Amino acid sequence: MHISREDQARISAAIHAAEQKTSGEIVCVLARASSDYAALPVIWAALIALSVPWPLIAFTRLPVQHIFIAQLVLFAAALLILSLGNIRVALAPRAVRRVNAHRAAMEQFVIRGITRTKARTGVLIFVSLAECYARIVADEAIDSKVKHADWQGAVDALTAQFGDERLADGFIAAIERCGAVLAEHFPADAAAVNELPDRLFLI
């Protein structure tokens, strides 16, 4: 799913507008995938290739060399097909995809400097497209006051747009909802400074 420069600018403007009403900080990250799942096509292709000899041995009189060549050809073909992006991700069990996406969200929370804000009032809005995963991660000052359920509206706004080519609208809706929650618990402070970039990070 493509995010145009215009959409990125709209998201940046939405972050800036939301932060005018709160001392909190909002960071947005969009990942194409949370893992490359590179090992899965190899494993599945090997399993498929290993299943080839038994019916050939049982029902044909092919020489061993021909069976071996058939294995190699099938392994190469299966590996090529299963390595395609969408198929490769689909090979991973749903639980594995969620674990990888959650790990990536936690990594981005640290990498983007959200834990280094002065008042510990940073929020990450994270989306991983391949896993159809969205998560709001709040720093400790916010997490102590805001229930996880209060972020559900923002998550729902994001996931509702995954299949509609309107992901930017989903981000903006989520930013506005997060901004409202932050403004309620952490209203704007004249002394506060903008500590984190108002932009969408693409990874």
N, C-alpha and C. Protein backbone atom coordinates (compact mmCIF):
# COMPACT_ATOMS: atom_id res chain seq x y z
N MET A 1 0.85 -1.19 0.00
CA MET A 1 0.00 0.00 0.00
C MET A 1 0.89 1.24 0.00
N HIS A 2 0.60 2.15 -0.90
CA HIS A 2 1.46 3.31 -1.10
C HIS A 2 0.95 4.50 -0.28
N ILE A 3 1.87 5.19 0.37
CA ILE A 3 1.56 6.44 1.06
C ILE A 3 2.26 7.56 0.30
N SER A 4 1.50 8.43 -0.32
CA SER A 4 2.08 9.50 -1.13
C SER A 4 2.70 10.58 -0.24
N ARG A 5 3.47 11.43 -0.87
CA ARG A 5 4.06 12.56 -0.14
C ARG A 5 2.97 13.48 0.41
N GLU A 6 1.89 13.61 -0.36
CA GLU A 6 0.77 14.44 0.11
C GLU A 6 0.15 13.83 1.35
N ASP A 7 -0.02 12.51 1.35
CA ASP A 7 -0.57 11.85 2.53
C ASP A 7 0.37 11.97 3.73
N GLN A 8 1.66 11.85 3.48
CA GLN A 8 2.62 12.02 4.57
C GLN A 8 2.54 13.43 5.15
N ALA A 9 2.36 14.41 4.28
CA ALA A 9 2.23 15.79 4.75
C ALA A 9 0.96 15.96 5.57
N ARG A 10 -0.14 15.32 5.14
CA ARG A 10 -1.39 15.38 5.90
C ARG A 10 -1.23 14.76 7.28
N ILE A 11 -0.52 13.65 7.33
CA ILE A 11 -0.29 12.99 8.62
C ILE A 11 0.56 13.87 9.53
N SER A 12 1.60 14.47 8.97
CA SER A 12 2.45 15.38 9.75
C SER A 12 1.64 16.54 10.31
N ALA A 13 0.76 17.10 9.47
CA ALA A 13 -0.08 18.22 9.92
C ALA A 13 -1.03 17.78 11.03
N ALA A 14 -1.56 16.55 10.92
CA ALA A 14 -2.47 16.04 11.95
C ALA A 14 -1.74 15.85 13.28
N ILE A 15 -0.50 15.35 13.22
CA ILE A 15 0.30 15.20 14.44
C ILE A 15 0.53 16.56 15.08
N HIS A 16 0.93 17.54 14.27
CA HIS A 16 1.21 18.88 14.77
C HIS A 16 -0.04 19.48 15.42
N ALA A 17 -1.19 19.32 14.77
CA ALA A 17 -2.44 19.88 15.30
C ALA A 17 -2.82 19.20 16.62
N ALA A 18 -2.67 17.89 16.68
CA ALA A 18 -3.02 17.16 17.91
C ALA A 18 -2.11 17.57 19.06
N GLU A 19 -0.83 17.80 18.78
CA GLU A 19 0.11 18.13 19.84
C GLU A 19 -0.03 19.56 20.34
N GLN A 20 -0.79 20.38 19.62
CA GLN A 20 -1.05 21.74 20.10
C GLN A 20 -1.94 21.74 21.34
N LYS A 21 -2.67 20.64 21.54
CA LYS A 21 -3.63 20.56 22.65
C LYS A 21 -3.12 19.73 23.82
N THR A 22 -1.89 19.26 23.73
CA THR A 22 -1.37 18.38 24.77
C THR A 22 0.14 18.56 24.92
N SER A 23 0.63 18.18 26.08
CA SER A 23 2.08 18.16 26.29
C SER A 23 2.68 16.83 25.86
N GLY A 24 1.83 15.92 25.41
CA GLY A 24 2.30 14.62 24.94
C GLY A 24 2.90 14.70 23.54
N GLU A 25 3.56 13.63 23.15
CA GLU A 25 4.19 13.54 21.83
C GLU A 25 3.64 12.31 21.10
N ILE A 26 3.38 12.47 19.81
CA ILE A 26 2.85 11.38 19.00
C ILE A 26 3.84 11.05 17.87
N VAL A 27 4.18 9.80 17.74
CA VAL A 27 5.07 9.33 16.68
C VAL A 27 4.33 8.24 15.90
N CYS A 28 4.41 8.31 14.57
CA CYS A 28 3.74 7.32 13.71
C CYS A 28 4.79 6.54 12.91
N VAL A 29 4.62 5.23 12.86
CA VAL A 29 5.52 4.36 12.10
C VAL A 29 4.68 3.41 11.25
N LEU A 30 5.03 3.31 9.96
CA LEU A 30 4.38 2.38 9.05
C LEU A 30 5.43 1.41 8.53
N ALA A 31 5.24 0.11 8.79
CA ALA A 31 6.16 -0.93 8.33
C ALA A 31 5.49 -1.74 7.24
N ARG A 32 6.23 -2.06 6.19
CA ARG A 32 5.70 -2.97 5.17
C ARG A 32 5.51 -4.37 5.75
N ALA A 33 6.48 -4.80 6.55
CA ALA A 33 6.40 -6.09 7.23
C ALA A 33 7.29 -6.02 8.46
N SER A 34 6.96 -6.82 9.45
CA SER A 34 7.74 -6.83 10.69
C SER A 34 8.85 -7.86 10.68
N SER A 35 8.87 -8.72 9.66
CA SER A 35 9.92 -9.72 9.51
C SER A 35 9.98 -10.11 8.03
N ASP A 36 11.13 -10.63 7.59
CA ASP A 36 11.19 -11.09 6.19
C ASP A 36 10.75 -12.54 6.05
N TYR A 37 10.60 -13.25 7.17
CA TYR A 37 10.13 -14.64 7.16
C TYR A 37 10.93 -15.48 6.15
N ALA A 38 12.21 -15.21 6.03
CA ALA A 38 13.04 -15.83 4.99
C ALA A 38 13.19 -17.33 5.15
N ALA A 39 13.15 -17.83 6.37
CA ALA A 39 13.37 -19.27 6.57
C ALA A 39 12.16 -20.11 6.17
N LEU A 40 10.98 -19.54 6.21
CA LEU A 40 9.77 -20.34 5.99
C LEU A 40 9.68 -20.93 4.58
N PRO A 41 9.96 -20.17 3.51
CA PRO A 41 9.91 -20.80 2.18
C PRO A 41 10.89 -21.96 2.03
N VAL A 42 12.06 -21.85 2.64
CA VAL A 42 13.06 -22.93 2.56
C VAL A 42 12.53 -24.18 3.26
N ILE A 43 11.95 -23.99 4.45
CA ILE A 43 11.44 -25.13 5.21
C ILE A 43 10.32 -25.84 4.44
N TRP A 44 9.36 -25.05 3.93
CA TRP A 44 8.22 -25.64 3.23
C TRP A 44 8.65 -26.29 1.91
N ALA A 45 9.56 -25.64 1.19
CA ALA A 45 10.05 -26.22 -0.07
C ALA A 45 10.77 -27.54 0.19
N ALA A 46 11.55 -27.58 1.27
CA ALA A 46 12.26 -28.82 1.61
C ALA A 46 11.27 -29.93 1.96
N LEU A 47 10.24 -29.61 2.72
CA LEU A 47 9.24 -30.62 3.08
C LEU A 47 8.52 -31.16 1.85
N ILE A 48 8.18 -30.25 0.92
CA ILE A 48 7.52 -30.68 -0.32
C ILE A 48 8.44 -31.60 -1.13
N ALA A 49 9.71 -31.19 -1.24
CA ALA A 49 10.68 -31.98 -2.02
C ALA A 49 10.91 -33.35 -1.39
N LEU A 50 10.93 -33.40 -0.07
CA LEU A 50 11.16 -34.67 0.62
C LEU A 50 10.00 -35.65 0.44
N SER A 51 8.82 -35.11 0.11
CA SER A 51 7.67 -36.01 -0.08
C SER A 51 7.63 -36.65 -1.47
N VAL A 52 8.46 -36.14 -2.39
CA VAL A 52 8.42 -36.61 -3.78
C VAL A 52 8.87 -38.06 -3.97
N PRO A 53 9.97 -38.51 -3.36
CA PRO A 53 10.49 -39.84 -3.69
C PRO A 53 9.52 -40.99 -3.40
N TRP A 54 8.75 -40.88 -2.34
CA TRP A 54 7.96 -42.04 -1.90
C TRP A 54 6.94 -42.49 -2.94
N PRO A 55 6.09 -41.64 -3.50
CA PRO A 55 5.18 -42.13 -4.54
C PRO A 55 5.92 -42.56 -5.81
N LEU A 56 7.02 -41.88 -6.12
CA LEU A 56 7.77 -42.27 -7.31
C LEU A 56 8.41 -43.64 -7.16
N ILE A 57 8.91 -43.91 -5.97
CA ILE A 57 9.51 -45.22 -5.70
C ILE A 57 8.43 -46.31 -5.71
N ALA A 58 7.28 -45.97 -5.12
CA ALA A 58 6.22 -46.97 -4.97
C ALA A 58 5.50 -47.29 -6.28
N PHE A 59 5.33 -46.29 -7.15
CA PHE A 59 4.45 -46.48 -8.31
C PHE A 59 5.16 -46.34 -9.66
N THR A 60 6.45 -46.10 -9.66
CA THR A 60 7.17 -45.99 -10.93
C THR A 60 8.46 -46.80 -10.86
N ARG A 61 9.12 -46.90 -11.99
CA ARG A 61 10.41 -47.58 -12.04
C ARG A 61 11.51 -46.59 -12.44
N LEU A 62 11.30 -45.35 -12.10
CA LEU A 62 12.31 -44.34 -12.44
C LEU A 62 13.62 -44.62 -11.73
N PRO A 63 14.74 -44.36 -12.41
CA PRO A 63 16.04 -44.51 -11.76
C PRO A 63 16.18 -43.50 -10.60
N VAL A 64 17.04 -43.85 -9.69
CA VAL A 64 17.28 -42.98 -8.52
C VAL A 64 17.73 -41.59 -8.96
N GLN A 65 18.55 -41.55 -10.02
CA GLN A 65 19.05 -40.25 -10.49
C GLN A 65 17.90 -39.35 -10.93
N HIS A 66 16.91 -39.92 -11.63
CA HIS A 66 15.77 -39.13 -12.10
C HIS A 66 14.91 -38.65 -10.93
N ILE A 67 14.76 -39.49 -9.94
CA ILE A 67 13.99 -39.09 -8.75
C ILE A 67 14.70 -37.94 -8.03
N PHE A 68 16.03 -38.06 -7.95
CA PHE A 68 16.81 -37.01 -7.30
C PHE A 68 16.67 -35.68 -8.05
N ILE A 69 16.73 -35.74 -9.37
CA ILE A 69 16.57 -34.53 -10.20
C ILE A 69 15.17 -33.94 -10.02
N ALA A 70 14.16 -34.81 -9.95
CA ALA A 70 12.79 -34.34 -9.73
C ALA A 70 12.68 -33.61 -8.39
N GLN A 71 13.35 -34.14 -7.39
CA GLN A 71 13.37 -33.48 -6.07
C GLN A 71 13.96 -32.08 -6.16
N LEU A 72 15.10 -31.99 -6.82
CA LEU A 72 15.78 -30.70 -6.93
C LEU A 72 14.92 -29.68 -7.69
N VAL A 73 14.33 -30.14 -8.79
CA VAL A 73 13.49 -29.24 -9.60
C VAL A 73 12.29 -28.77 -8.78
N LEU A 74 11.64 -29.71 -8.07
CA LEU A 74 10.47 -29.34 -7.28
C LEU A 74 10.85 -28.40 -6.14
N PHE A 75 12.01 -28.67 -5.51
CA PHE A 75 12.48 -27.79 -4.43
C PHE A 75 12.69 -26.37 -4.95
N ALA A 76 13.37 -26.25 -6.09
CA ALA A 76 13.65 -24.92 -6.66
C ALA A 76 12.36 -24.21 -7.03
N ALA A 77 11.42 -24.93 -7.66
CA ALA A 77 10.16 -24.31 -8.07
C ALA A 77 9.34 -23.87 -6.86
N ALA A 78 9.27 -24.75 -5.86
CA ALA A 78 8.51 -24.43 -4.65
C ALA A 78 9.13 -23.24 -3.92
N LEU A 79 10.45 -23.22 -3.85
CA LEU A 79 11.14 -22.12 -3.17
C LEU A 79 10.87 -20.80 -3.88
N LEU A 80 10.89 -20.82 -5.21
CA LEU A 80 10.64 -19.60 -5.98
C LEU A 80 9.23 -19.08 -5.74
N ILE A 81 8.26 -19.96 -5.78
CA ILE A 81 6.85 -19.55 -5.60
C ILE A 81 6.59 -19.10 -4.16
N LEU A 82 7.06 -19.88 -3.21
CA LEU A 82 6.78 -19.59 -1.80
C LEU A 82 7.54 -18.37 -1.29
N SER A 83 8.55 -17.92 -2.04
CA SER A 83 9.31 -16.74 -1.62
C SER A 83 8.64 -15.43 -2.02
N LEU A 84 7.59 -15.51 -2.80
CA LEU A 84 6.85 -14.29 -3.15
C LEU A 84 6.30 -13.66 -1.88
N GLY A 85 6.34 -12.33 -1.83
CA GLY A 85 6.05 -11.59 -0.60
C GLY A 85 4.82 -12.02 0.16
N ASN A 86 3.65 -11.95 -0.46
CA ASN A 86 2.41 -12.26 0.23
C ASN A 86 2.34 -13.72 0.65
N ILE A 87 2.83 -14.61 -0.21
CA ILE A 87 2.80 -16.03 0.11
C ILE A 87 3.74 -16.32 1.28
N ARG A 88 4.92 -15.70 1.26
CA ARG A 88 5.91 -15.94 2.32
C ARG A 88 5.34 -15.55 3.69
N VAL A 89 4.66 -14.42 3.75
CA VAL A 89 4.06 -13.99 5.02
C VAL A 89 2.94 -14.93 5.43
N ALA A 90 2.13 -15.36 4.45
CA ALA A 90 1.00 -16.24 4.75
C ALA A 90 1.44 -17.59 5.30
N LEU A 91 2.67 -18.01 5.01
CA LEU A 91 3.17 -19.29 5.53
C LEU A 91 3.34 -19.26 7.04
N ALA A 92 3.52 -18.07 7.60
CA ALA A 92 3.73 -17.95 9.05
C ALA A 92 2.40 -18.07 9.77
N PRO A 93 2.33 -18.85 10.83
CA PRO A 93 1.10 -18.91 11.62
C PRO A 93 0.74 -17.52 12.15
N ARG A 94 -0.55 -17.31 12.35
CA ARG A 94 -1.01 -15.98 12.79
C ARG A 94 -0.33 -15.56 14.08
N ALA A 95 -0.16 -16.49 15.01
CA ALA A 95 0.47 -16.15 16.29
C ALA A 95 1.90 -15.67 16.08
N VAL A 96 2.61 -16.29 15.14
CA VAL A 96 3.99 -15.87 14.85
C VAL A 96 4.00 -14.47 14.24
N ARG A 97 3.06 -14.20 13.34
CA ARG A 97 2.99 -12.86 12.73
C ARG A 97 2.72 -11.80 13.80
N ARG A 98 1.83 -12.08 14.72
CA ARG A 98 1.51 -11.11 15.78
C ARG A 98 2.71 -10.88 16.70
N VAL A 99 3.42 -11.96 17.02
CA VAL A 99 4.60 -11.82 17.88
C VAL A 99 5.65 -10.96 17.19
N ASN A 100 5.89 -11.19 15.91
CA ASN A 100 6.88 -10.40 15.17
C ASN A 100 6.47 -8.93 15.08
N ALA A 101 5.18 -8.69 14.83
CA ALA A 101 4.70 -7.31 14.74
C ALA A 101 4.80 -6.60 16.08
N HIS A 102 4.46 -7.31 17.15
CA HIS A 102 4.57 -6.72 18.49
C HIS A 102 6.02 -6.38 18.81
N ARG A 103 6.92 -7.31 18.49
CA ARG A 103 8.35 -7.05 18.71
C ARG A 103 8.82 -5.83 17.94
N ALA A 104 8.40 -5.73 16.67
CA ALA A 104 8.80 -4.58 15.85
C ALA A 104 8.27 -3.28 16.44
N ALA A 105 7.04 -3.30 16.96
CA ALA A 105 6.47 -2.09 17.57
C ALA A 105 7.29 -1.67 18.78
N MET A 106 7.68 -2.63 19.62
CA MET A 106 8.48 -2.30 20.80
C MET A 106 9.86 -1.75 20.40
N GLU A 107 10.42 -2.33 19.35
CA GLU A 107 11.72 -1.84 18.87
C GLU A 107 11.61 -0.41 18.38
N GLN A 108 10.57 -0.11 17.61
CA GLN A 108 10.39 1.24 17.09
C GLN A 108 10.13 2.23 18.22
N PHE A 109 9.46 1.79 19.26
CA PHE A 109 9.20 2.65 20.42
C PHE A 109 10.50 3.16 21.01
N VAL A 110 11.50 2.29 21.04
CA VAL A 110 12.81 2.68 21.58
C VAL A 110 13.62 3.44 20.53
N ILE A 111 13.66 2.92 19.30
CA ILE A 111 14.48 3.51 18.25
C ILE A 111 14.10 4.96 17.98
N ARG A 112 12.82 5.27 18.02
CA ARG A 112 12.35 6.63 17.69
C ARG A 112 12.49 7.60 18.85
N GLY A 113 13.09 7.16 19.95
CA GLY A 113 13.39 8.07 21.06
C GLY A 113 12.20 8.42 21.93
N ILE A 114 11.14 7.64 21.86
CA ILE A 114 9.93 7.96 22.62
C ILE A 114 10.19 7.84 24.11
N THR A 115 11.08 6.95 24.50
CA THR A 115 11.39 6.78 25.93
C THR A 115 12.26 7.91 26.47
N ARG A 116 12.74 8.78 25.60
CA ARG A 116 13.66 9.84 26.05
C ARG A 116 12.98 11.20 26.20
N THR A 117 11.66 11.26 26.08
CA THR A 117 11.00 12.55 26.28
C THR A 117 11.09 12.93 27.76
N LYS A 118 11.13 14.21 28.03
CA LYS A 118 11.37 14.71 29.40
C LYS A 118 10.32 14.22 30.38
N ALA A 119 9.05 14.29 29.98
CA ALA A 119 7.97 13.92 30.90
C ALA A 119 7.48 12.50 30.70
N ARG A 120 8.12 11.75 29.80
CA ARG A 120 7.73 10.37 29.48
C ARG A 120 6.27 10.31 29.03
N THR A 121 5.92 11.22 28.11
CA THR A 121 4.54 11.31 27.62
C THR A 121 4.47 11.10 26.11
N GLY A 122 5.24 10.15 25.63
CA GLY A 122 5.23 9.84 24.20
C GLY A 122 4.30 8.68 23.88
N VAL A 123 3.73 8.72 22.68
CA VAL A 123 2.84 7.66 22.20
C VAL A 123 3.29 7.24 20.80
N LEU A 124 3.36 5.94 20.57
CA LEU A 124 3.67 5.40 19.25
C LEU A 124 2.40 4.85 18.62
N ILE A 125 2.14 5.25 17.37
CA ILE A 125 1.09 4.63 16.56
C ILE A 125 1.81 3.81 15.51
N PHE A 126 1.70 2.49 15.63
CA PHE A 126 2.48 1.57 14.79
C PHE A 126 1.55 0.73 13.94
N VAL A 127 1.89 0.62 12.65
CA VAL A 127 1.14 -0.24 11.73
C VAL A 127 2.14 -1.10 10.95
N SER A 128 1.85 -2.40 10.88
CA SER A 128 2.63 -3.30 10.03
C SER A 128 1.67 -3.91 9.02
N LEU A 129 1.85 -3.57 7.75
CA LEU A 129 0.88 -3.93 6.73
C LEU A 129 0.80 -5.44 6.46
N ALA A 130 1.94 -6.09 6.34
CA ALA A 130 1.94 -7.51 5.99
C ALA A 130 1.18 -8.34 7.03
N GLU A 131 1.28 -7.93 8.28
CA GLU A 131 0.62 -8.66 9.35
C GLU A 131 -0.77 -8.11 9.68
N CYS A 132 -1.19 -7.05 8.96
CA CYS A 132 -2.48 -6.40 9.25
C CYS A 132 -2.57 -6.08 10.74
N TYR A 133 -1.54 -5.43 11.24
CA TYR A 133 -1.38 -5.23 12.69
C TYR A 133 -1.27 -3.74 12.99
N ALA A 134 -2.00 -3.30 14.01
CA ALA A 134 -1.90 -1.92 14.48
C ALA A 134 -1.83 -1.93 16.00
N ARG A 135 -1.02 -1.04 16.55
CA ARG A 135 -0.87 -1.00 18.00
C ARG A 135 -0.53 0.42 18.45
N ILE A 136 -1.07 0.78 19.59
CA ILE A 136 -0.71 2.04 20.25
C ILE A 136 0.15 1.68 21.46
N VAL A 137 1.34 2.27 21.53
CA VAL A 137 2.23 2.02 22.66
C VAL A 137 2.49 3.36 23.35
N ALA A 138 2.19 3.42 24.64
CA ALA A 138 2.35 4.67 25.40
C ALA A 138 3.47 4.54 26.42
N ASP A 139 4.17 5.64 26.65
CA ASP A 139 5.26 5.65 27.63
C ASP A 139 4.67 5.60 29.05
N GLU A 140 5.54 5.45 30.03
CA GLU A 140 5.11 5.11 31.39
C GLU A 140 4.22 6.18 32.04
N ALA A 141 4.48 7.46 31.80
CA ALA A 141 3.65 8.49 32.43
C ALA A 141 2.21 8.42 31.93
N ILE A 142 2.04 8.09 30.65
CA ILE A 142 0.70 7.96 30.08
C ILE A 142 0.09 6.63 30.49
N ASP A 143 0.88 5.58 30.43
CA ASP A 143 0.38 4.24 30.72
C ASP A 143 -0.16 4.13 32.14
N SER A 144 0.36 4.95 33.04
CA SER A 144 -0.11 4.90 34.42
C SER A 144 -1.47 5.56 34.60
N LYS A 145 -1.91 6.37 33.62
CA LYS A 145 -3.17 7.10 33.73
C LYS A 145 -4.23 6.66 32.73
N VAL A 146 -3.81 6.13 31.61
CA VAL A 146 -4.74 5.80 30.54
C VAL A 146 -4.84 4.28 30.40
N LYS A 147 -6.06 3.78 30.39
CA LYS A 147 -6.28 2.34 30.22
C LYS A 147 -6.04 1.95 28.77
N HIS A 148 -5.60 0.71 28.56
CA HIS A 148 -5.35 0.22 27.21
C HIS A 148 -6.62 0.28 26.36
N ALA A 149 -7.77 0.07 27.00
CA ALA A 149 -9.04 0.09 26.27
C ALA A 149 -9.33 1.46 25.67
N ASP A 150 -8.77 2.52 26.26
CA ASP A 150 -9.01 3.87 25.75
C ASP A 150 -8.37 4.10 24.39
N TRP A 151 -7.41 3.26 24.02
CA TRP A 151 -6.75 3.38 22.72
C TRP A 151 -7.46 2.58 21.64
N GLN A 152 -8.47 1.79 22.02
CA GLN A 152 -9.07 0.87 21.07
C GLN A 152 -9.71 1.59 19.88
N GLY A 153 -10.31 2.77 20.14
CA GLY A 153 -10.91 3.52 19.05
C GLY A 153 -9.89 3.92 18.00
N ALA A 154 -8.68 4.26 18.45
CA ALA A 154 -7.62 4.62 17.51
C ALA A 154 -7.17 3.41 16.70
N VAL A 155 -7.04 2.27 17.37
CA VAL A 155 -6.65 1.04 16.68
C VAL A 155 -7.72 0.64 15.67
N ASP A 156 -8.99 0.75 16.06
CA ASP A 156 -10.09 0.40 15.15
C ASP A 156 -10.10 1.31 13.92
N ALA A 157 -9.81 2.60 14.13
CA ALA A 157 -9.77 3.55 13.02
C ALA A 157 -8.69 3.19 12.01
N LEU A 158 -7.58 2.67 12.51
CA LEU A 158 -6.49 2.25 11.63
C LEU A 158 -6.83 0.98 10.87
N THR A 159 -7.23 -0.05 11.60
CA THR A 159 -7.45 -1.35 10.96
C THR A 159 -8.62 -1.32 9.99
N ALA A 160 -9.56 -0.41 10.19
CA ALA A 160 -10.71 -0.32 9.28
C ALA A 160 -10.29 0.12 7.88
N GLN A 161 -9.12 0.75 7.74
CA GLN A 161 -8.69 1.30 6.46
C GLN A 161 -7.67 0.41 5.74
N PHE A 162 -7.32 -0.73 6.31
CA PHE A 162 -6.27 -1.56 5.72
C PHE A 162 -6.60 -1.99 4.29
N GLY A 163 -7.86 -2.31 4.02
CA GLY A 163 -8.19 -2.82 2.70
C GLY A 163 -8.81 -1.81 1.77
N ASP A 164 -8.84 -0.54 2.17
CA ASP A 164 -9.57 0.47 1.40
C ASP A 164 -8.68 1.51 0.72
N GLU A 165 -7.36 1.30 0.77
CA GLU A 165 -6.42 2.28 0.18
C GLU A 165 -6.60 3.67 0.79
N ARG A 166 -7.02 3.71 2.05
CA ARG A 166 -7.21 4.99 2.74
C ARG A 166 -6.45 4.97 4.06
N LEU A 167 -5.26 4.39 4.02
CA LEU A 167 -4.50 4.23 5.25
C LEU A 167 -4.15 5.58 5.87
N ALA A 168 -3.88 6.57 5.04
CA ALA A 168 -3.57 7.90 5.58
C ALA A 168 -4.74 8.44 6.39
N ASP A 169 -5.97 8.22 5.90
CA ASP A 169 -7.14 8.66 6.65
C ASP A 169 -7.24 7.92 7.98
N GLY A 170 -6.88 6.63 7.96
CA GLY A 170 -6.88 5.86 9.20
C GLY A 170 -5.87 6.41 10.19
N PHE A 171 -4.67 6.74 9.71
CA PHE A 171 -3.66 7.34 10.59
C PHE A 171 -4.16 8.66 11.18
N ILE A 172 -4.75 9.49 10.35
CA ILE A 172 -5.22 10.79 10.81
C ILE A 172 -6.31 10.63 11.86
N ALA A 173 -7.24 9.70 11.63
CA ALA A 173 -8.29 9.45 12.62
C ALA A 173 -7.69 8.96 13.93
N ALA A 174 -6.69 8.07 13.83
CA ALA A 174 -6.05 7.55 15.03
C ALA A 174 -5.28 8.65 15.77
N ILE A 175 -4.62 9.51 15.02
CA ILE A 175 -3.88 10.63 15.63
C ILE A 175 -4.84 11.54 16.38
N GLU A 176 -5.98 11.84 15.77
CA GLU A 176 -6.96 12.71 16.42
C GLU A 176 -7.49 12.09 17.70
N ARG A 177 -7.76 10.79 17.67
CA ARG A 177 -8.25 10.10 18.87
C ARG A 177 -7.17 10.07 19.97
N CYS A 178 -5.94 9.77 19.58
CA CYS A 178 -4.85 9.79 20.56
C CYS A 178 -4.65 11.18 21.13
N GLY A 179 -4.73 12.18 20.26
CA GLY A 179 -4.59 13.56 20.71
C GLY A 179 -5.65 13.93 21.73
N ALA A 180 -6.88 13.48 21.52
CA ALA A 180 -7.97 13.78 22.45
C ALA A 180 -7.72 13.12 23.81
N VAL A 181 -7.24 11.86 23.78
CA VAL A 181 -6.94 11.16 25.04
C VAL A 181 -5.80 11.87 25.77
N LEU A 182 -4.77 12.24 25.04
CA LEU A 182 -3.63 12.93 25.66
C LEU A 182 -4.03 14.30 26.21
N ALA A 183 -4.85 15.03 25.46
CA ALA A 183 -5.28 16.36 25.91
C ALA A 183 -6.08 16.28 27.21
N GLU A 184 -6.83 15.20 27.37
CA GLU A 184 -7.63 15.03 28.59
C GLU A 184 -6.75 14.82 29.81
N HIS A 185 -5.69 14.03 29.66
CA HIS A 185 -4.85 13.69 30.80
C HIS A 185 -3.58 14.55 30.89
N PHE A 186 -3.13 15.06 29.74
CA PHE A 186 -1.90 15.85 29.70
C PHE A 186 -2.14 17.09 28.83
N PRO A 187 -2.86 18.07 29.36
CA PRO A 187 -3.18 19.26 28.56
C PRO A 187 -1.93 20.04 28.16
N ALA A 188 -2.10 20.92 27.19
CA ALA A 188 -0.97 21.68 26.66
C ALA A 188 -0.29 22.49 27.76
N ASP A 189 1.01 22.55 27.67
CA ASP A 189 1.84 23.28 28.63
C ASP A 189 2.64 24.32 27.86
N ALA A 190 2.52 25.58 28.26
CA ALA A 190 3.20 26.65 27.54
C ALA A 190 4.71 26.46 27.54
N ALA A 191 5.23 25.77 28.54
CA ALA A 191 6.67 25.58 28.65
C ALA A 191 7.15 24.36 27.86
N ALA A 192 6.21 23.56 27.37
CA ALA A 192 6.60 22.33 26.67
C ALA A 192 7.19 22.64 25.30
N VAL A 193 8.12 21.81 24.88
CA VAL A 193 8.72 21.95 23.56
C VAL A 193 8.44 20.68 22.76
N ASN A 194 8.50 20.81 21.44
CA ASN A 194 8.27 19.66 20.57
C ASN A 194 9.56 18.83 20.53
N GLU A 195 9.55 17.69 21.19
CA GLU A 195 10.76 16.90 21.35
C GLU A 195 10.98 15.87 20.24
N LEU A 196 9.91 15.48 19.55
CA LEU A 196 10.01 14.43 18.54
C LEU A 196 9.44 14.92 17.21
N PRO A 197 9.97 14.42 16.10
CA PRO A 197 9.52 14.90 14.78
C PRO A 197 8.03 14.59 14.54
N ASP A 198 7.34 15.56 13.93
CA ASP A 198 5.93 15.38 13.56
C ASP A 198 5.87 14.80 12.15
N ARG A 199 6.07 13.50 12.05
CA ARG A 199 6.14 12.90 10.73
C ARG A 199 5.80 11.41 10.82
N LEU A 200 5.57 10.82 9.63
CA LEU A 200 5.38 9.38 9.53
C LEU A 200 6.69 8.75 9.13
N PHE A 201 7.15 7.78 9.91
CA PHE A 201 8.37 7.04 9.58
C PHE A 201 7.97 5.79 8.78
N LEU A 202 8.60 5.59 7.63
CA LEU A 202 8.35 4.43 6.79
C LEU A 202 9.52 3.48 6.90
N ILE A 203 9.23 2.21 7.23
CA ILE A 203 10.32 1.24 7.38
C ILE A 203 9.97 -0.02 6.60
